[in-house]
Amino acid sequence: MNTWMVRAGEDAYFIEGLLNQKVGAIGWNQVGNLNDLGDINGIKARVRKLYPNYKDGKVNISAAHLYKFRDEFQKGDNVITYDPRNRVYWLGEIASGYVYDPTIEQAMPNVRRVIWKKSIERDSLSP
């Protein structure tokens, strides 16, 4: 079983959305539905086309994030996100396969259903 970190956008702007809508989500909204892109090379081609200012390294890293979220995250895996405003880590379990749903958050349309189980205050953790 893996544990995956999913961020809630820049400055965790979407943390309440992740928790309330019971999802883990990532961006690259212009890429569209990842199911339409085949393997990682299809994802790279789309990223390269839509983000022409990305250098090869950033294309590869972006495509790898998208591919892992779609293909390597598995139902039952652990997921964690961080709320910097409240200094809290949220721990959950992935409850679905990959879904493209821009109605949840237009900037973060790549989602997986998550059962958020508990929170841990960052200050209660030892270094």
Protein backbone atom coordinates (compact mmCIF):
# COMPACT_ATOMS: atom_id res chain seq x y z
CA MET A 1 0.00 0.00 0.00
CA ASN A 2 1.32 3.44 -0.93
CA THR A 3 0.90 6.80 0.72
CA TRP A 4 0.51 9.77 -1.62
CA MET A 5 0.72 13.52 -0.96
CA VAL A 6 -1.90 15.62 -2.71
CA ARG A 7 -1.67 19.41 -2.38
CA ALA A 8 -4.74 21.62 -2.21
CA GLY A 9 -3.49 24.15 -4.76
CA GLU A 10 -1.32 27.20 -4.25
CA ASP A 11 -1.43 28.26 -0.60
CA ALA A 12 -3.87 25.35 -0.09
CA TYR A 13 -6.72 27.53 -1.38
CA PHE A 14 -8.87 24.44 -2.02
CA ILE A 15 -8.37 22.63 1.30
CA GLU A 16 -11.99 23.06 2.39
CA GLY A 17 -13.13 21.80 -1.01
CA LEU A 18 -10.99 18.66 -0.75
CA LEU A 19 -12.34 17.90 2.71
CA ASN A 20 -15.98 18.86 2.13
CA GLN A 21 -16.28 17.21 -1.28
CA LYS A 22 -14.27 14.19 -0.15
CA VAL A 23 -11.73 14.27 -2.96
CA GLY A 24 -8.07 14.47 -3.75
CA ALA A 25 -7.52 16.68 -6.79
CA ILE A 26 -4.75 17.97 -9.02
CA GLY A 27 -4.60 20.67 -11.64
CA TRP A 28 -3.31 20.97 -15.19
CA ASN A 29 -6.91 21.78 -16.14
CA GLN A 30 -6.01 22.65 -19.73
CA VAL A 31 -4.81 19.08 -20.32
CA GLY A 32 -8.37 17.78 -20.08
CA ASN A 33 -9.48 14.23 -19.38
CA LEU A 34 -6.41 12.07 -18.84
CA ASN A 35 -8.30 8.97 -19.95
CA ASP A 36 -8.22 10.37 -23.49
CA LEU A 37 -4.41 10.48 -23.62
CA GLY A 38 -3.26 6.86 -23.46
CA ASP A 39 0.16 6.22 -21.95
CA ILE A 40 2.59 8.68 -20.42
CA ASN A 41 3.86 9.69 -23.87
CA GLY A 42 0.37 10.88 -24.78
CA ILE A 43 0.26 12.92 -21.60
CA LYS A 44 3.71 14.40 -22.35
CA ALA A 45 2.63 15.34 -25.86
CA ARG A 46 -0.46 17.15 -24.55
CA VAL A 47 1.50 18.97 -21.84
CA ARG A 48 4.17 20.00 -24.37
CA LYS A 49 1.52 21.30 -26.78
CA LEU A 50 -0.47 23.24 -24.16
CA TYR A 51 2.48 24.60 -22.17
CA PRO A 52 5.03 25.52 -24.88
CA ASN A 53 7.11 27.53 -22.40
CA TYR A 54 7.81 24.38 -20.33
CA LYS A 55 11.31 23.00 -20.76
CA ASP A 56 11.69 19.24 -21.24
CA GLY A 57 12.31 18.61 -17.55
CA LYS A 58 9.11 20.38 -16.52
CA VAL A 59 7.14 18.56 -19.22
CA ASN A 60 8.46 15.23 -17.92
CA ILE A 61 7.74 16.06 -14.27
CA SER A 62 4.24 17.37 -15.02
CA ALA A 63 3.38 14.33 -17.14
CA ALA A 64 4.72 12.02 -14.44
CA HIS A 65 2.51 13.67 -11.80
CA LEU A 66 -0.55 13.31 -14.01
CA TYR A 67 0.28 9.72 -14.95
CA LYS A 68 0.89 8.67 -11.34
CA PHE A 69 -2.35 10.28 -10.20
CA ARG A 70 -4.31 8.51 -12.94
CA ASP A 71 -2.54 5.11 -13.06
CA GLU A 72 -0.50 4.49 -9.92
CA PHE A 73 -2.76 5.79 -7.17
CA GLN A 74 -4.96 2.87 -6.18
CA LYS A 75 -8.19 2.46 -4.30
CA GLY A 76 -7.24 1.70 -0.70
CA ASP A 77 -3.95 3.63 -0.82
CA ASN A 78 -3.33 6.26 1.84
CA VAL A 79 -3.40 9.94 0.95
CA ILE A 80 -2.26 12.99 2.88
CA THR A 81 -2.77 16.70 2.40
CA TYR A 82 -1.65 19.72 4.38
CA ASP A 83 -3.54 22.79 5.57
CA PRO A 84 -0.85 25.42 6.23
CA ARG A 85 -3.26 28.01 7.64
CA ASN A 86 -4.30 25.68 10.47
CA ARG A 87 -1.01 23.71 10.52
CA VAL A 88 -2.87 20.42 10.13
CA TYR A 89 -2.17 17.28 8.11
CA TRP A 90 -5.25 15.41 6.89
CA LEU A 91 -5.00 11.64 6.38
CA GLY A 92 -7.34 9.66 4.20
CA GLU A 93 -7.88 6.67 1.97
CA ILE A 94 -8.39 6.69 -1.79
CA ALA A 95 -11.91 5.43 -2.46
CA SER A 96 -12.19 5.54 -6.27
CA GLY A 97 -10.40 5.34 -9.55
CA TYR A 98 -9.45 8.42 -11.53
CA VAL A 99 -12.28 10.78 -12.51
CA TYR A 100 -12.20 13.90 -14.65
CA ASP A 101 -14.70 16.31 -13.09
CA PRO A 102 -14.17 20.06 -13.64
CA THR A 103 -17.41 20.81 -11.75
CA ILE A 104 -15.67 20.09 -8.43
CA GLU A 105 -12.98 22.76 -8.97
CA GLN A 106 -12.30 24.05 -12.46
CA ALA A 107 -8.59 24.58 -11.79
CA MET A 108 -8.24 21.05 -10.34
CA PRO A 109 -10.42 18.76 -12.49
CA ASN A 110 -8.45 15.54 -12.04
CA VAL A 111 -9.92 13.87 -8.99
CA ARG A 112 -10.17 10.75 -6.91
CA ARG A 113 -12.75 10.21 -4.21
CA VAL A 114 -11.14 10.17 -0.75
CA ILE A 115 -12.38 9.18 2.68
CA TRP A 116 -10.70 11.75 4.92
CA LYS A 117 -10.26 9.87 8.20
CA LYS A 118 -8.39 12.08 10.63
CA SER A 119 -6.24 15.11 11.15
CA ILE A 120 -2.96 15.59 12.96
CA GLU A 121 -1.70 18.95 14.16
CA ARG A 122 1.72 19.62 12.72
CA ASP A 123 2.96 20.98 16.04
CA SER A 124 2.20 17.66 17.74
CA LEU A 125 4.68 15.83 15.48
CA SER A 126 8.30 15.41 16.45
CA PRO A 127 10.99 16.49 13.97
